[in-house]
Amino acid sequence: MGTFVISRKENGLIKFEFNSRRGKTIFTSQSYKTKQDCEKDILFLKERIINTAFLKFKTPAGKFFFKLIYKDHIHGISRKFTTERLLSKGLDEMKNNFAESEILDFSEEIFFD
């Protein structure tokens, strides 16, 4: 099972990453103004992942990536993969584990010594 990791960017906005069961980042979301908006989008996508489009791209340097799109809205972009096979494995991970994955919130950055 994968994991959603919510965190705060340097500019103060919130994002989430979808990580594989091995902890490798597969997908990074758009930016959100509030943690609540981020959580709403995670739940929205979890319910609709079956009907979501994954548009594949190739960079000029030969790397592969995809954008997650639902009803003409881009929700985020994948990491860059070195081969099409790795891209396919990343997509399979998204399709098979996205809906059941847990959410971890690191947006508050409260850690104790």
N, C-alpha and C. Protein backbone atom coordinates (compact mmCIF):
# COMPACT_ATOMS: atom_id res chain seq x y z
N MET A 1 0.84 -1.17 0.00
CA MET A 1 0.00 0.00 0.00
C MET A 1 0.89 1.24 0.00
N GLY A 2 0.49 2.26 -0.73
CA GLY A 2 1.23 3.51 -0.80
C GLY A 2 0.86 4.44 0.34
N THR A 3 1.43 5.63 0.30
CA THR A 3 1.20 6.63 1.35
C THR A 3 1.10 8.02 0.74
N PHE A 4 0.16 8.81 1.23
CA PHE A 4 0.09 10.22 0.90
C PHE A 4 0.84 10.98 2.00
N VAL A 5 1.77 11.82 1.61
CA VAL A 5 2.52 12.60 2.58
C VAL A 5 2.23 14.08 2.32
N ILE A 6 1.56 14.71 3.30
CA ILE A 6 1.24 16.13 3.21
C ILE A 6 2.38 16.91 3.84
N SER A 7 2.85 17.95 3.15
CA SER A 7 3.93 18.78 3.68
C SER A 7 3.76 20.23 3.23
N ARG A 8 4.48 21.10 3.91
CA ARG A 8 4.45 22.52 3.59
C ARG A 8 5.69 22.87 2.76
N LYS A 9 5.48 23.60 1.68
CA LYS A 9 6.57 24.03 0.82
C LYS A 9 7.24 25.25 1.44
N GLU A 10 8.40 25.63 0.93
CA GLU A 10 9.13 26.79 1.45
C GLU A 10 8.34 28.08 1.33
N ASN A 11 7.46 28.16 0.32
CA ASN A 11 6.66 29.37 0.13
C ASN A 11 5.40 29.40 1.00
N GLY A 12 5.24 28.37 1.86
CA GLY A 12 4.10 28.32 2.77
C GLY A 12 2.90 27.56 2.25
N LEU A 13 2.88 27.24 0.97
CA LEU A 13 1.77 26.48 0.41
C LEU A 13 1.90 25.00 0.79
N ILE A 14 0.80 24.27 0.66
CA ILE A 14 0.73 22.87 1.03
C ILE A 14 0.72 22.00 -0.23
N LYS A 15 1.34 20.83 -0.15
CA LYS A 15 1.32 19.86 -1.25
C LYS A 15 1.22 18.47 -0.67
N PHE A 16 0.91 17.49 -1.52
CA PHE A 16 1.04 16.11 -1.08
C PHE A 16 1.82 15.34 -2.12
N GLU A 17 2.47 14.31 -1.65
CA GLU A 17 3.16 13.38 -2.53
C GLU A 17 2.53 12.01 -2.33
N PHE A 18 2.43 11.25 -3.40
CA PHE A 18 2.02 9.86 -3.28
C PHE A 18 3.28 9.03 -3.40
N ASN A 19 3.55 8.24 -2.36
CA ASN A 19 4.76 7.42 -2.32
C ASN A 19 4.40 5.95 -2.46
N SER A 20 5.27 5.22 -3.13
CA SER A 20 5.07 3.78 -3.29
C SER A 20 5.19 3.09 -1.94
N ARG A 21 4.87 1.81 -1.92
CA ARG A 21 4.97 1.05 -0.68
C ARG A 21 6.42 0.94 -0.21
N ARG A 22 7.34 1.23 -1.08
CA ARG A 22 8.77 1.23 -0.72
C ARG A 22 9.27 2.63 -0.35
N GLY A 23 8.38 3.61 -0.37
CA GLY A 23 8.75 4.96 0.05
C GLY A 23 9.24 5.88 -1.04
N LYS A 24 9.24 5.44 -2.27
CA LYS A 24 9.71 6.26 -3.40
C LYS A 24 8.58 7.17 -3.88
N THR A 25 8.85 8.45 -4.04
CA THR A 25 7.84 9.39 -4.53
C THR A 25 7.49 9.05 -5.98
N ILE A 26 6.19 8.92 -6.24
CA ILE A 26 5.72 8.64 -7.59
C ILE A 26 5.08 9.89 -8.18
N PHE A 27 4.38 10.65 -7.34
CA PHE A 27 3.53 11.73 -7.82
C PHE A 27 3.55 12.88 -6.82
N THR A 28 3.59 14.11 -7.32
CA THR A 28 3.51 15.30 -6.48
C THR A 28 2.35 16.15 -6.95
N SER A 29 1.54 16.59 -6.01
CA SER A 29 0.32 17.34 -6.33
C SER A 29 0.63 18.78 -6.69
N GLN A 30 -0.42 19.47 -7.07
CA GLN A 30 -0.36 20.92 -7.23
C GLN A 30 -0.20 21.53 -5.84
N SER A 31 -0.11 22.83 -5.74
CA SER A 31 -0.01 23.52 -4.45
C SER A 31 -1.39 23.96 -3.98
N TYR A 32 -1.57 23.96 -2.67
CA TYR A 32 -2.84 24.35 -2.06
C TYR A 32 -2.58 25.43 -1.02
N LYS A 33 -3.56 26.30 -0.83
CA LYS A 33 -3.42 27.36 0.17
C LYS A 33 -3.60 26.83 1.59
N THR A 34 -4.47 25.82 1.75
CA THR A 34 -4.72 25.28 3.09
C THR A 34 -4.57 23.77 3.10
N LYS A 35 -4.31 23.24 4.29
CA LYS A 35 -4.22 21.79 4.45
C LYS A 35 -5.57 21.15 4.17
N GLN A 36 -6.65 21.82 4.53
CA GLN A 36 -7.99 21.29 4.29
C GLN A 36 -8.24 21.10 2.79
N ASP A 37 -7.82 22.07 1.97
CA ASP A 37 -7.97 21.94 0.51
C ASP A 37 -7.17 20.75 -0.01
N CYS A 38 -5.99 20.56 0.53
CA CYS A 38 -5.14 19.44 0.13
C CYS A 38 -5.81 18.12 0.49
N GLU A 39 -6.30 18.01 1.71
CA GLU A 39 -6.97 16.78 2.15
C GLU A 39 -8.23 16.50 1.33
N LYS A 40 -8.98 17.55 1.01
CA LYS A 40 -10.18 17.38 0.19
C LYS A 40 -9.81 16.82 -1.19
N ASP A 41 -8.72 17.32 -1.77
CA ASP A 41 -8.32 16.85 -3.10
C ASP A 41 -7.85 15.40 -3.05
N ILE A 42 -7.15 15.02 -1.97
CA ILE A 42 -6.73 13.62 -1.83
C ILE A 42 -7.97 12.72 -1.81
N LEU A 43 -8.94 13.06 -0.97
CA LEU A 43 -10.16 12.25 -0.88
C LEU A 43 -10.93 12.25 -2.20
N PHE A 44 -10.99 13.39 -2.85
CA PHE A 44 -11.65 13.52 -4.16
C PHE A 44 -11.00 12.55 -5.16
N LEU A 45 -9.68 12.57 -5.22
CA LEU A 45 -8.97 11.72 -6.18
C LEU A 45 -9.05 10.24 -5.81
N LYS A 46 -9.00 9.94 -4.52
CA LYS A 46 -9.12 8.54 -4.09
C LYS A 46 -10.43 7.93 -4.58
N GLU A 47 -11.49 8.71 -4.54
CA GLU A 47 -12.80 8.22 -4.97
C GLU A 47 -12.91 8.10 -6.49
N ARG A 48 -12.07 8.83 -7.22
CA ARG A 48 -12.20 8.90 -8.68
C ARG A 48 -10.99 8.37 -9.44
N ILE A 49 -10.07 7.73 -8.78
CA ILE A 49 -8.83 7.32 -9.44
C ILE A 49 -9.09 6.41 -10.64
N ILE A 50 -10.15 5.63 -10.59
CA ILE A 50 -10.46 4.72 -11.70
C ILE A 50 -10.81 5.51 -12.96
N ASN A 51 -11.42 6.68 -12.81
CA ASN A 51 -11.85 7.50 -13.95
C ASN A 51 -10.87 8.62 -14.28
N THR A 52 -9.69 8.56 -13.71
CA THR A 52 -8.69 9.61 -13.91
C THR A 52 -7.81 9.29 -15.11
N ALA A 53 -7.44 10.32 -15.85
CA ALA A 53 -6.55 10.14 -17.00
C ALA A 53 -5.10 10.36 -16.57
N PHE A 54 -4.22 9.58 -17.17
CA PHE A 54 -2.79 9.73 -16.96
C PHE A 54 -2.17 10.02 -18.32
N LEU A 55 -1.78 11.26 -18.53
CA LEU A 55 -1.15 11.63 -19.81
C LEU A 55 0.35 11.45 -19.69
N LYS A 56 0.93 10.69 -20.61
CA LYS A 56 2.35 10.38 -20.57
C LYS A 56 3.13 11.37 -21.44
N PHE A 57 4.34 11.71 -20.97
CA PHE A 57 5.21 12.63 -21.68
C PHE A 57 6.64 12.12 -21.65
N LYS A 58 7.45 12.66 -22.57
CA LYS A 58 8.87 12.35 -22.60
C LYS A 58 9.63 13.66 -22.70
N THR A 59 10.62 13.86 -21.83
CA THR A 59 11.40 15.09 -21.84
C THR A 59 12.42 15.03 -22.99
N PRO A 60 12.97 16.19 -23.37
CA PRO A 60 14.02 16.19 -24.40
C PRO A 60 15.24 15.34 -23.99
N ALA A 61 15.43 15.18 -22.68
CA ALA A 61 16.56 14.38 -22.19
C ALA A 61 16.24 12.88 -22.17
N GLY A 62 15.03 12.50 -22.58
CA GLY A 62 14.67 11.09 -22.67
C GLY A 62 14.05 10.50 -21.42
N LYS A 63 13.67 11.32 -20.45
CA LYS A 63 13.00 10.84 -19.23
C LYS A 63 11.50 10.81 -19.47
N PHE A 64 10.80 9.98 -18.72
CA PHE A 64 9.36 9.81 -18.88
C PHE A 64 8.64 10.28 -17.61
N PHE A 65 7.44 10.88 -17.80
CA PHE A 65 6.63 11.29 -16.66
C PHE A 65 5.17 11.35 -17.11
N PHE A 66 4.28 11.50 -16.13
CA PHE A 66 2.86 11.61 -16.45
C PHE A 66 2.22 12.72 -15.63
N LYS A 67 1.10 13.20 -16.14
CA LYS A 67 0.27 14.16 -15.41
C LYS A 67 -1.04 13.48 -15.07
N LEU A 68 -1.52 13.69 -13.86
CA LEU A 68 -2.79 13.13 -13.42
C LEU A 68 -3.87 14.17 -13.69
N ILE A 69 -4.85 13.80 -14.52
CA ILE A 69 -5.88 14.75 -14.95
C ILE A 69 -7.26 14.17 -14.71
N TYR A 70 -8.13 14.98 -14.13
CA TYR A 70 -9.52 14.60 -13.97
C TYR A 70 -10.38 15.75 -14.47
N LYS A 71 -11.19 15.48 -15.47
CA LYS A 71 -12.07 16.48 -16.09
C LYS A 71 -11.31 17.78 -16.43
N ASP A 72 -10.28 17.63 -17.21
CA ASP A 72 -9.48 18.75 -17.73
C ASP A 72 -8.73 19.55 -16.68
N HIS A 73 -8.63 19.05 -15.46
CA HIS A 73 -7.87 19.73 -14.41
C HIS A 73 -6.65 18.89 -14.04
N ILE A 74 -5.48 19.48 -14.13
CA ILE A 74 -4.24 18.78 -13.76
C ILE A 74 -4.09 18.85 -12.25
N HIS A 75 -4.06 17.69 -11.62
CA HIS A 75 -3.92 17.62 -10.16
C HIS A 75 -2.48 17.48 -9.72
N GLY A 76 -1.60 17.13 -10.63
CA GLY A 76 -0.19 17.00 -10.27
C GLY A 76 0.59 16.30 -11.35
N ILE A 77 1.86 16.06 -11.03
CA ILE A 77 2.79 15.50 -12.01
C ILE A 77 3.66 14.44 -11.32
N SER A 78 4.03 13.44 -12.09
CA SER A 78 4.87 12.38 -11.53
C SER A 78 6.33 12.82 -11.49
N ARG A 79 7.11 11.99 -10.83
CA ARG A 79 8.57 12.19 -10.90
C ARG A 79 9.02 11.77 -12.29
N LYS A 80 10.26 12.01 -12.61
CA LYS A 80 10.81 11.60 -13.91
C LYS A 80 11.34 10.17 -13.79
N PHE A 81 10.95 9.34 -14.73
CA PHE A 81 11.38 7.94 -14.77
C PHE A 81 12.40 7.77 -15.89
N THR A 82 13.38 6.90 -15.68
CA THR A 82 14.43 6.72 -16.68
C THR A 82 14.00 5.84 -17.86
N THR A 83 13.00 4.98 -17.64
CA THR A 83 12.54 4.09 -18.71
C THR A 83 11.01 4.05 -18.75
N GLU A 84 10.48 3.63 -19.89
CA GLU A 84 9.03 3.47 -20.00
C GLU A 84 8.52 2.37 -19.08
N ARG A 85 9.33 1.36 -18.86
CA ARG A 85 8.95 0.27 -17.95
C ARG A 85 8.76 0.78 -16.53
N LEU A 86 9.67 1.63 -16.07
CA LEU A 86 9.53 2.20 -14.73
C LEU A 86 8.31 3.13 -14.64
N LEU A 87 8.05 3.85 -15.72
CA LEU A 87 6.85 4.69 -15.78
C LEU A 87 5.60 3.81 -15.64
N SER A 88 5.56 2.70 -16.36
CA SER A 88 4.41 1.80 -16.28
C SER A 88 4.25 1.23 -14.88
N LYS A 89 5.36 0.91 -14.22
CA LYS A 89 5.29 0.40 -12.86
C LYS A 89 4.74 1.47 -11.91
N GLY A 90 5.16 2.71 -12.11
CA GLY A 90 4.64 3.82 -11.30
C GLY A 90 3.14 4.01 -11.51
N LEU A 91 2.70 3.93 -12.75
CA LEU A 91 1.27 4.04 -13.05
C LEU A 91 0.48 2.89 -12.43
N ASP A 92 1.03 1.69 -12.50
CA ASP A 92 0.36 0.53 -11.88
C ASP A 92 0.23 0.73 -10.37
N GLU A 93 1.28 1.25 -9.75
CA GLU A 93 1.24 1.53 -8.31
C GLU A 93 0.14 2.52 -7.99
N MET A 94 0.02 3.55 -8.80
CA MET A 94 -1.04 4.55 -8.59
C MET A 94 -2.42 3.91 -8.73
N LYS A 95 -2.62 3.19 -9.81
CA LYS A 95 -3.94 2.60 -10.09
C LYS A 95 -4.34 1.56 -9.05
N ASN A 96 -3.38 0.78 -8.56
CA ASN A 96 -3.69 -0.33 -7.67
C ASN A 96 -3.74 0.04 -6.19
N ASN A 97 -3.03 1.08 -5.78
CA ASN A 97 -2.90 1.37 -4.35
C ASN A 97 -3.37 2.75 -3.92
N PHE A 98 -3.67 3.61 -4.85
CA PHE A 98 -4.03 5.00 -4.54
C PHE A 98 -5.25 5.08 -3.61
N ALA A 99 -6.30 4.38 -3.93
CA ALA A 99 -7.57 4.49 -3.20
C ALA A 99 -7.48 4.01 -1.76
N GLU A 100 -6.62 3.04 -1.46
CA GLU A 100 -6.53 2.48 -0.11
C GLU A 100 -5.40 3.06 0.73
N SER A 101 -4.61 3.95 0.18
CA SER A 101 -3.43 4.45 0.87
C SER A 101 -3.77 5.38 2.02
N GLU A 102 -2.92 5.35 3.04
CA GLU A 102 -3.11 6.19 4.21
C GLU A 102 -2.51 7.58 4.00
N ILE A 103 -2.91 8.51 4.84
CA ILE A 103 -2.45 9.89 4.75
C ILE A 103 -1.59 10.22 5.96
N LEU A 104 -0.38 10.71 5.72
CA LEU A 104 0.51 11.18 6.78
C LEU A 104 0.65 12.69 6.64
N ASP A 105 0.53 13.39 7.75
CA ASP A 105 0.58 14.86 7.72
C ASP A 105 1.85 15.37 8.39
N PHE A 106 2.75 15.93 7.59
CA PHE A 106 3.97 16.55 8.09
C PHE A 106 3.97 18.06 7.83
N SER A 107 2.80 18.63 7.65
CA SER A 107 2.71 20.05 7.28
C SER A 107 2.96 20.99 8.44
N GLU A 108 2.83 20.51 9.66
CA GLU A 108 3.00 21.39 10.82
C GLU A 108 4.44 21.47 11.29
N GLU A 109 5.26 20.51 10.88
CA GLU A 109 6.68 20.48 11.23
C GLU A 109 6.91 20.60 12.73
N ILE A 110 6.14 19.88 13.51
CA ILE A 110 6.32 19.88 14.96
C ILE A 110 7.04 18.59 15.32
N PHE A 111 8.32 18.72 15.65
CA PHE A 111 9.11 17.57 16.03
C PHE A 111 9.75 17.85 17.39
N PHE A 112 9.88 16.82 18.17
CA PHE A 112 10.43 16.97 19.50
C PHE A 112 11.83 16.37 19.55
N ASP A 113 12.68 16.98 20.40
CA ASP A 113 14.06 16.47 20.57
C ASP A 113 14.09 15.24 21.42
